[in-house]
Protein backbone atom coordinates (compact mmCIF):
# COMPACT_ATOMS: atom_id res chain seq x y z
CA MET A 1 -61.72 189.16 -109.58
CA SER A 2 -64.07 192.12 -109.71
CA GLN A 3 -65.68 192.53 -113.12
CA ASP A 4 -65.78 196.33 -112.69
CA ASN A 5 -61.99 196.68 -112.81
CA LEU A 6 -61.44 194.34 -115.76
CA ILE A 7 -60.15 195.84 -118.99
CA ARG A 8 -59.51 194.26 -122.36
CA LEU A 9 -56.08 194.80 -123.93
CA VAL A 10 -55.86 194.08 -127.68
CA SER A 11 -52.56 193.70 -129.54
CA VAL A 12 -51.81 195.91 -132.53
CA GLY A 13 -49.32 193.30 -133.82
CA ASP A 14 -45.70 193.66 -134.88
CA GLU A 15 -44.26 195.33 -138.00
CA GLU A 16 -45.56 192.56 -140.30
CA GLY A 17 -48.97 192.44 -138.57
CA ASN A 18 -48.35 189.10 -136.83
CA GLY A 19 -50.35 188.60 -133.65
CA LYS A 20 -52.80 191.42 -134.36
CA GLY A 21 -56.00 191.06 -132.34
CA HIS A 22 -54.59 188.87 -129.54
CA VAL A 23 -56.50 189.68 -126.31
CA ILE A 24 -55.28 189.89 -122.71
CA TRP A 25 -57.63 190.63 -119.79
CA SER A 26 -56.19 192.68 -116.95
CA ARG A 27 -57.20 195.02 -114.12
CA LYS A 28 -56.88 198.78 -113.83
CA ASN A 29 -56.90 201.00 -110.74
CA MET A 30 -59.99 203.10 -111.45
CA LYS A 31 -59.21 205.64 -108.70
CA LYS A 32 -56.01 206.77 -110.41
CA LEU A 33 -56.47 205.84 -114.09
CA ARG A 34 -60.18 206.30 -114.81
CA SER A 35 -59.76 208.70 -117.74
CA VAL A 36 -56.46 207.26 -119.06
CA LYS A 37 -56.44 204.73 -121.92
CA LEU A 38 -53.69 202.20 -121.27
CA GLU A 39 -51.07 201.36 -123.87
CA ILE A 40 -48.67 198.66 -122.62
CA LYS A 41 -45.92 196.58 -124.21
CA LYS A 42 -46.42 192.91 -123.32
CA PHE A 43 -45.30 189.55 -124.72
CA ASN A 44 -47.47 188.29 -127.57
CA PRO A 45 -47.33 184.47 -127.81
CA VAL A 46 -48.70 184.50 -131.38
CA ALA A 47 -45.99 186.84 -132.71
CA LYS A 48 -43.42 185.43 -130.21
CA LYS A 49 -42.19 188.93 -129.30
CA HIS A 50 -43.18 191.98 -127.27
CA THR A 51 -45.88 194.05 -128.94
CA VAL A 52 -48.03 197.04 -127.98
CA TYR A 53 -51.42 196.32 -126.39
CA LYS A 54 -54.08 199.04 -126.34
CA GLU A 55 -57.15 199.24 -124.13
CA LYS A 56 -60.42 198.53 -125.95
CA PRO A 57 -64.02 198.41 -124.65
CA LYS A 58 -65.40 195.15 -123.28
CA LYS A 59 -67.73 193.20 -125.56
């Protein structure tokens, strides 16, 4: 997997704050979405429900 296309998605948690900070690594098509910050709803295993994940910079 190319390291250039990797992005870090961090969970904002659910209504009570459960699962906040959970990280998922994914890829992004840089030709189409270079200037767009992703915000995706994915399953959070800590909160055991779907939560919003926002793109954050790599560390």
